[in-house]
C-alpha cells in the first residue's frame, strides 16, 4: 500500500508512532480488557504494518512492541521479568507469530509483485503485437495508394483527361489524410503513455471550433449528414483547443465509420455550472451492451467494426478528456443509435454574455 511511497526511515518513524499510540491506548484499556487482549491488539497492528511497509521496519516494530507489552502490561508490570510460565510461553509465541506473519506477508507481497510484473509484461507484448499488426495494415494501405497514384500521374499524365486526374488527386488526398490520421494517433498515444501531457488552456469559441472542424475534416463526406446545433448562448470557454478538437474529431469519425450510410450525426453543446457539455449522437444501430464497457480501451474494436482501424481513436478521446479533469460516457439511444457525452470543468467568459445581450 505505502511501500515505495515512503522511505525506510519514514516507515520506521510511522511504525514507531503507531506502536506508541497503540501502547498508550492499551494503558487506558488495560483495566477493562486485560494484558492478553492488549497483546492481541498489538499483534493486529503488526499485521497491518506488514501489509503496508517493508520487512525491516515491521520486524523492528514487532520487536519493540513485544518489549513494550512485556514492560508495560505483563505482570509484574514496569520491568522485563516474567514470573508466570504461561506468560513466558505467551510472550515467546508473540515473537514467533509476529515474525512468521511478517515474513509470510512479505513473501506473498513479493510473489504478487512478480506476478503483476509478469502479467504487465505479457500485456505489453500483446499490446505491442496488436499495435504492429494494426498499424502495419493501416499505414500500408494509404502508402500503397499514394505510391500507385503518384506513379500513375508520372507515367500516364498525357493519357488522362482532367476528370480522371481530379479523381486520382482526390484518391491521393484521401490516402494522405488517412496516413496523417494514423501518424497523429500514434503521436497522441505516445503523449498519453509518456505521462507528460500538459494541457495549454486559452479562451476559445467552441461553436467556431466545431464548425471549423466539420468544414476541415468532414465536408467531403456524402454518406452521412453531420448536423451541428450552434449554441448562441455559449460563452467563451477556457480549454486546450487542440486536444478538444481531437476529442470531437475522433468521436465523430468513429460514428461515421460505424454507422450505416445515410445516418445523421448531431453535435450539441452546453455550459452548466462551470461544466462544458458536448453531446455527439447518431441514429445508427448503437453498441452491443456487452461492448459498451470496453470501447474506450486501447486497440479495442467491436465485433461489428469496419475493416481496418486501430482501435485508438476513442481511447485517445478519453485520455484527452481526462486531461481536462473531465469524463466521457456513452449510452445507447432507445430509438436507435448511440450518444457520447463529454463533460469537463472550465471557466466561461462573462464578456461573451454581454456581447450576446
Protein backbone atom coordinates (compact mmCIF):
# COMPACT_ATOMS: atom_id res chain seq x y z
CA UNK A 1 0.00 0.00 0.00
CA UNK A 2 2.64 2.50 1.14
CA UNK A 3 5.73 0.63 0.00
CA UNK A 4 7.65 2.82 -2.40
CA UNK A 5 5.68 5.87 -1.27
CA UNK A 6 7.71 6.32 1.93
CA UNK A 7 11.43 5.86 2.54
CA UNK A 8 12.68 3.24 5.03
CA UNK A 9 13.33 5.98 7.60
CA UNK A 10 9.80 7.34 7.31
CA UNK A 11 8.41 3.81 7.58
CA UNK A 12 10.40 3.35 10.81
CA UNK A 13 9.05 6.63 12.22
CA UNK A 14 5.43 5.89 11.26
CA UNK A 15 5.66 2.34 12.65
CA UNK A 16 7.11 3.52 15.97
CA UNK A 17 4.43 6.21 16.29
CA UNK A 18 1.73 3.60 15.61
CA UNK A 19 3.22 1.21 18.19
CA UNK A 20 3.46 4.01 20.76
CA UNK A 21 -0.15 5.06 20.07
CA UNK A 22 -1.49 1.52 20.47
CA UNK A 23 0.55 1.02 23.66
CA UNK A 24 -0.81 4.28 25.05
CA UNK A 25 -4.36 3.19 24.24
CA UNK A 26 -3.58 -0.17 25.84
CA UNK A 27 -2.62 1.55 29.11
CA UNK A 28 -6.05 3.18 29.19
CA UNK A 29 -7.88 -0.05 28.36
CA UNK A 30 -5.74 -2.48 30.32
CA UNK A 31 -8.04 -2.45 33.32
CA UNK A 32 -11.03 -3.29 31.11
CA UNK A 33 -9.69 -5.82 28.62
CA UNK A 34 -6.60 -7.28 30.31
CA UNK A 35 -3.00 -7.53 29.19
CA UNK A 36 -3.55 -10.54 26.91
CA UNK A 37 -6.15 -8.67 24.84
CA UNK A 38 -3.73 -5.73 24.60
CA UNK A 39 -1.17 -8.20 23.20
CA UNK A 40 -3.66 -9.33 20.54
CA UNK A 41 -4.33 -5.71 19.60
CA UNK A 42 -0.61 -5.08 19.20
CA UNK A 43 -0.31 -8.20 17.01
CA UNK A 44 -3.14 -6.83 14.88
CA UNK A 45 -1.17 -3.60 14.45
CA UNK A 46 1.92 -5.56 13.35
CA UNK A 47 -0.24 -7.43 10.83
CA UNK A 48 -1.50 -4.15 9.39
CA UNK A 49 2.03 -2.73 9.19
CA UNK A 50 3.21 -5.93 7.47
CA UNK A 51 0.65 -5.32 4.71
CA UNK A 52 1.93 -1.82 4.17
CA UNK A 53 5.65 -1.47 4.88
CA UNK A 54 8.96 -3.17 4.16
CA UNK A 55 10.02 -6.17 6.24
CA UNK A 56 12.82 -4.49 8.24
CA UNK A 57 10.71 -1.65 9.75
CA UNK A 58 7.93 -4.16 10.52
CA UNK A 59 10.27 -6.62 12.27
CA UNK A 60 11.75 -3.76 14.29
CA UNK A 61 8.24 -2.63 15.24
CA UNK A 62 7.32 -6.18 16.24
CA UNK A 63 10.40 -6.40 18.50
CA UNK A 64 9.74 -3.02 20.13
CA UNK A 65 6.02 -3.69 20.60
CA UNK A 66 6.85 -7.04 22.27
CA UNK A 67 9.22 -5.34 24.71
CA UNK A 68 6.66 -2.63 25.45
CA UNK A 69 3.97 -5.24 26.01
CA UNK A 70 6.26 -7.09 28.41
CA UNK A 71 7.35 -3.98 30.30
CA UNK A 72 4.01 -2.17 30.49
CA UNK A 73 1.42 -4.93 30.67
CA UNK A 74 2.66 -8.43 31.62
CA UNK A 75 2.70 -8.91 35.42
CA UNK A 76 4.75 -7.85 37.24
CA UNK A 77 4.45 -4.56 35.36
CA UNK A 78 7.18 -1.99 34.67
CA UNK A 79 10.04 -4.49 34.44
CA UNK A 80 11.11 -7.17 31.99
CA UNK A 81 10.81 -10.07 34.44
CA UNK A 82 8.01 -12.60 33.76
CA UNK A 83 7.04 -14.87 36.65
CA UNK A 84 4.20 -16.92 35.17
CA UNK A 85 5.28 -19.78 32.86
CA UNK A 86 2.11 -19.34 30.83
CA UNK A 87 3.01 -15.67 30.24
CA UNK A 88 6.54 -16.69 29.22
CA UNK A 89 5.13 -19.06 26.58
CA UNK A 90 2.64 -16.42 25.50
CA UNK A 91 5.41 -13.84 25.18
CA UNK A 92 7.56 -16.24 23.11
CA UNK A 93 4.58 -17.03 20.89
CA UNK A 94 4.12 -13.30 20.38
CA UNK A 95 7.63 -13.07 18.92
CA UNK A 96 7.14 -16.17 16.76
CA UNK A 97 3.72 -15.18 15.41
CA UNK A 98 4.80 -11.60 14.68
CA UNK A 99 7.98 -12.75 12.92
CA UNK A 100 6.39 -15.56 10.91
CA UNK A 101 3.41 -13.43 9.90
CA UNK A 102 5.68 -10.58 8.78
CA UNK A 103 7.93 -12.92 6.78
CA UNK A 104 4.99 -14.70 5.11
CA UNK A 105 3.26 -11.42 4.29
CA UNK A 106 6.46 -10.10 2.76
CA UNK A 107 6.84 -13.24 0.63
CA UNK A 108 3.21 -13.04 -0.50
CA UNK A 109 3.62 -9.39 -1.48
CA UNK A 110 6.83 -10.21 -3.33
CA UNK A 111 5.10 -13.06 -5.21
CA UNK A 112 2.16 -10.78 -6.06
CA UNK A 113 4.56 -8.13 -7.36
CA UNK A 114 6.37 -10.67 -9.55
CA UNK A 115 3.04 -11.98 -10.86
CA UNK A 116 1.87 -8.42 -11.58
CA UNK A 117 5.13 -7.63 -13.41
CA UNK A 118 4.80 -10.82 -15.44
CA UNK A 119 1.20 -10.01 -16.29
CA UNK A 120 2.14 -6.45 -17.22
CA UNK A 121 4.96 -7.73 -19.43
CA UNK A 122 2.60 -10.15 -21.18
CA UNK A 123 0.05 -7.38 -21.59
CA UNK A 124 2.71 -5.07 -23.04
CA UNK A 125 3.80 -7.74 -25.54
CA UNK A 126 0.19 -8.35 -26.52
CA UNK A 127 -0.45 -4.63 -26.99
CA UNK A 128 2.78 -4.30 -28.95
CA UNK A 129 1.80 -7.13 -31.29
CA UNK A 130 -1.67 -5.68 -31.70
CA UNK A 131 -0.20 -2.28 -32.43
CA UNK A 132 2.22 -3.67 -35.01
CA UNK A 133 -0.49 -5.70 -36.75
CA UNK A 134 -2.96 -2.83 -36.81
CA UNK A 135 -0.53 -0.09 -37.74
CA UNK A 136 1.21 -2.16 -40.40
CA UNK A 137 -2.12 -2.61 -42.17
CA UNK A 138 -3.35 0.93 -41.61
CA UNK A 139 -0.09 2.51 -42.81
CA UNK A 140 0.50 0.09 -45.67
CA UNK A 141 -2.85 0.77 -47.35
CA UNK A 142 -2.59 4.57 -47.72
CA UNK A 143 1.13 4.39 -48.54
CA UNK A 144 0.40 1.91 -51.34
CA UNK A 145 -2.37 4.18 -52.64
CA UNK A 146 -0.03 7.16 -52.62
CA UNK A 147 2.74 5.27 -54.44
CA UNK A 148 0.34 3.90 -57.08
CA UNK A 149 -1.30 7.28 -57.60
CA UNK A 150 2.00 9.15 -57.89
CA UNK A 151 3.34 6.54 -60.31
CA UNK A 152 0.18 6.87 -62.41
CA UNK A 153 0.47 10.64 -62.51
CA UNK A 154 4.12 10.45 -63.56
CA UNK A 155 3.80 7.83 -66.27
CA UNK A 156 0.31 8.30 -67.69
CA UNK A 157 -0.32 12.00 -67.29
CA UNK A 158 -0.56 12.57 -71.07
CA UNK A 159 -3.22 9.86 -71.41
CA UNK A 160 -5.51 11.14 -68.64
CA UNK A 161 -8.22 13.70 -69.11
CA UNK A 162 -8.94 16.33 -66.50
CA UNK A 163 -11.75 14.30 -64.86
CA UNK A 164 -9.50 11.28 -64.33
CA UNK A 165 -6.79 13.47 -62.91
CA UNK A 166 -9.20 15.05 -60.43
CA UNK A 167 -10.42 11.62 -59.34
CA UNK A 168 -6.86 10.41 -58.89
CA UNK A 169 -5.85 13.52 -56.97
CA UNK A 170 -8.89 13.09 -54.72
CA UNK A 171 -7.85 9.49 -54.00
CA UNK A 172 -4.35 10.69 -53.20
CA UNK A 173 -5.76 13.27 -50.80
CA UNK A 174 -7.90 10.65 -49.03
CA UNK A 175 -4.87 8.36 -48.68
CA UNK A 176 -2.73 11.22 -47.36
CA UNK A 177 -5.40 12.23 -44.82
CA UNK A 178 -5.72 8.61 -43.68
CA UNK A 179 -1.95 8.28 -43.33
CA UNK A 180 -1.73 11.56 -41.45
CA UNK A 181 -4.51 10.44 -39.09
CA UNK A 182 -2.69 7.23 -38.19
CA UNK A 183 0.56 9.08 -37.54
CA UNK A 184 -1.30 11.59 -35.37
CA UNK A 185 -2.93 8.75 -33.43
CA UNK A 186 0.48 7.23 -32.75
CA UNK A 187 1.83 10.58 -31.58
CA UNK A 188 -1.24 11.17 -29.42
CA UNK A 189 -0.94 7.74 -27.80
CA UNK A 190 2.74 8.44 -27.16
CA UNK A 191 1.83 11.70 -25.41
CA UNK A 192 -0.70 9.94 -23.20
CA UNK A 193 1.57 6.98 -22.39
CA UNK A 194 4.51 9.21 -21.52
CA UNK A 195 2.59 10.79 -18.64
CA UNK A 196 3.99 14.20 -19.55
CA UNK A 197 0.88 15.52 -21.28
CA UNK A 198 0.36 19.15 -20.29
CA UNK A 199 -2.78 20.93 -21.39
CA UNK A 200 -2.44 24.54 -22.54
CA UNK A 201 -5.73 26.30 -21.94
CA UNK A 202 -6.82 29.51 -23.62
CA UNK A 203 -10.11 31.23 -24.32
CA UNK A 204 -11.89 29.52 -27.18
CA UNK A 205 -15.16 29.85 -29.11
CA UNK A 206 -16.37 26.25 -29.03
CA UNK A 207 -19.04 26.91 -31.68
CA UNK A 208 -16.37 28.15 -34.07
CA UNK A 209 -14.04 25.27 -33.19
CA UNK A 210 -16.65 22.62 -34.01
CA UNK A 211 -17.81 24.32 -37.21
CA UNK A 212 -14.23 24.68 -38.48
CA UNK A 213 -13.55 21.04 -37.60
CA UNK A 214 -16.56 19.87 -39.62
CA UNK A 215 -15.56 22.03 -42.60
CA UNK A 216 -11.96 20.81 -42.48
CA UNK A 217 -12.41 17.06 -41.95
CA UNK A 218 -15.96 16.07 -42.84
CA UNK A 219 -17.23 18.42 -45.55
CA UNK A 220 -16.29 15.89 -48.27
CA UNK A 221 -18.33 13.09 -46.66
CA UNK A 222 -21.50 12.48 -48.65
CA UNK A 223 -22.61 9.24 -46.99
CA UNK A 224 -23.54 10.83 -43.67
CA UNK A 225 -25.17 14.04 -42.54
CA UNK A 226 -23.37 15.90 -39.77
CA UNK A 227 -25.66 18.35 -38.02
CA UNK A 228 -24.09 20.85 -35.64
CA UNK A 229 -26.55 22.78 -33.46
CA UNK A 230 -24.88 26.14 -32.82
CA UNK A 231 -25.43 27.39 -29.29
CA UNK A 232 -25.53 31.21 -29.35
CA UNK A 233 -25.66 31.40 -25.53
CA UNK A 234 -22.37 29.53 -25.14
CA UNK A 235 -19.68 31.77 -23.59
CA UNK A 236 -16.04 31.72 -24.47
CA UNK A 237 -14.52 28.71 -22.70
CA UNK A 238 -11.03 28.14 -21.34
CA UNK A 239 -9.73 24.87 -22.77
CA UNK A 240 -6.96 23.28 -24.81
CA UNK A 241 -8.15 23.99 -28.34
CA UNK A 242 -6.05 21.28 -29.98
CA UNK A 243 -6.93 18.49 -27.55
CA UNK A 244 -10.69 19.16 -27.55
CA UNK A 245 -10.64 19.28 -31.35
CA UNK A 246 -9.05 15.80 -31.38
CA UNK A 247 -11.66 14.50 -28.89
CA UNK A 248 -14.57 15.69 -31.03
CA UNK A 249 -12.92 14.62 -34.29
CA UNK A 250 -12.26 11.08 -33.08
CA UNK A 251 -15.81 10.58 -31.80
CA UNK A 252 -17.44 11.97 -34.95
CA UNK A 253 -15.11 9.88 -37.12
CA UNK A 254 -16.00 6.79 -35.07
CA UNK A 255 -19.69 7.49 -35.68
CA UNK A 256 -19.11 7.95 -39.41
CA UNK A 257 -17.17 4.70 -39.65
CA UNK A 258 -19.57 2.57 -37.62
CA UNK A 259 -23.00 3.75 -38.73
CA UNK A 260 -24.80 2.85 -41.99
CA UNK A 261 -24.83 5.21 -44.95
CA UNK A 262 -27.50 7.86 -44.63
CA UNK A 263 -27.09 8.11 -40.85
CA UNK A 264 -27.24 11.50 -39.16
CA UNK A 265 -24.72 12.65 -36.55
CA UNK A 266 -25.78 15.52 -34.31
CA UNK A 267 -23.44 17.66 -32.20
CA UNK A 268 -24.75 19.86 -29.39
CA UNK A 269 -23.03 21.89 -26.69
CA UNK A 270 -23.96 23.42 -23.34
CA UNK A 271 -22.37 25.16 -20.37
CA UNK A 272 -23.88 24.27 -16.98
CA UNK A 273 -22.50 25.17 -13.54
CA UNK A 274 -18.95 25.73 -14.85
CA UNK A 275 -19.02 22.46 -16.78
CA UNK A 276 -18.76 22.29 -20.56
CA UNK A 277 -21.02 19.62 -22.07
CA UNK A 278 -20.59 18.25 -25.59
CA UNK A 279 -23.14 15.75 -26.92
CA UNK A 280 -22.46 13.71 -30.05
CA UNK A 281 -25.31 11.41 -31.07
CA UNK A 282 -26.09 9.26 -34.12
CA UNK A 283 -29.12 7.31 -35.30
CA UNK A 284 -27.23 4.16 -36.27
CA UNK A 285 -27.50 0.72 -34.67
CA UNK A 286 -25.78 1.62 -31.39
CA UNK A 287 -23.37 -0.55 -29.43
CA UNK A 288 -23.90 -4.06 -28.18
CA UNK A 289 -24.44 -3.80 -24.43
CA UNK A 290 -21.61 -6.22 -23.64
CA UNK A 291 -19.18 -3.95 -25.52
CA UNK A 292 -20.02 -0.55 -24.03
CA UNK A 293 -17.66 -1.03 -21.06
CA UNK A 294 -14.69 -1.72 -23.37
CA UNK A 295 -14.97 0.76 -26.25
CA UNK A 296 -12.58 3.27 -24.65
CA UNK A 297 -9.81 0.70 -24.16
CA UNK A 298 -6.74 0.88 -26.38
CA UNK A 299 -6.90 -1.26 -29.53
CA UNK A 300 -10.43 -2.46 -28.73
CA UNK A 301 -12.51 -2.98 -31.84
CA UNK A 302 -16.11 -4.10 -31.66
CA UNK A 303 -17.41 -7.28 -33.24
CA UNK A 304 -19.07 -5.25 -35.99
CA UNK A 305 -16.19 -2.85 -36.65
CA UNK A 306 -15.37 -1.83 -40.18
CA UNK A 307 -12.38 -3.35 -41.91
CA UNK A 308 -9.20 -1.58 -40.77
CA UNK A 309 -8.80 0.83 -37.89
CA UNK A 310 -6.51 0.60 -34.90
CA UNK A 311 -8.97 1.00 -32.05
CA UNK A 312 -7.10 4.05 -30.77
CA UNK A 313 -9.50 6.90 -31.56
CA UNK A 314 -11.89 6.58 -28.62
CA UNK A 315 -9.05 5.74 -26.22
CA UNK A 316 -7.32 8.99 -27.19
CA UNK A 317 -10.59 10.90 -26.82
CA UNK A 318 -10.99 9.53 -23.31
CA UNK A 319 -7.38 10.34 -22.39
CA UNK A 320 -7.58 13.93 -23.60
CA UNK A 321 -10.93 14.46 -21.86
CA UNK A 322 -9.48 13.17 -18.60
CA UNK A 323 -6.51 15.50 -19.10
CA UNK A 324 -9.11 18.28 -18.69
CA UNK A 325 -10.30 16.55 -15.46
CA UNK A 326 -13.41 15.54 -17.34
CA UNK A 327 -15.35 12.42 -18.21
CA UNK A 328 -16.64 10.82 -21.39
CA UNK A 329 -19.57 8.41 -21.39
CA UNK A 330 -21.60 6.59 -24.00
CA UNK A 331 -25.06 5.08 -23.93
CA UNK A 332 -27.45 3.62 -26.47
CA UNK A 333 -30.48 5.65 -27.50
CA UNK A 334 -33.84 3.92 -27.13
CA UNK A 335 -34.92 4.95 -30.64
CA UNK A 336 -31.63 3.69 -32.12
CA UNK A 337 -28.06 4.87 -32.21
CA UNK A 338 -25.54 5.94 -29.59
CA UNK A 339 -24.86 9.13 -27.68
CA UNK A 340 -21.48 10.30 -26.38
CA UNK A 341 -21.43 12.82 -23.53
CA UNK A 342 -18.22 14.76 -22.90
CA UNK A 343 -18.09 16.80 -19.70
CA UNK A 344 -15.24 18.77 -18.16
CA UNK A 345 -14.89 21.72 -15.77
CA UNK A 346 -13.86 25.03 -17.25
CA UNK A 347 -14.29 28.77 -16.98
CA UNK A 348 -16.76 30.81 -19.03
CA UNK A 349 -16.14 34.38 -20.11
CA UNK A 350 -18.76 36.88 -18.91
CA UNK A 351 -17.67 39.26 -21.65
CA UNK A 352 -19.19 36.91 -24.20
CA UNK A 353 -22.53 37.03 -22.38
CA UNK A 354 -22.50 40.80 -22.66
CA UNK A 355 -21.75 40.51 -26.37
CA UNK A 356 -24.72 38.19 -26.87
CA UNK A 357 -27.01 40.55 -24.99
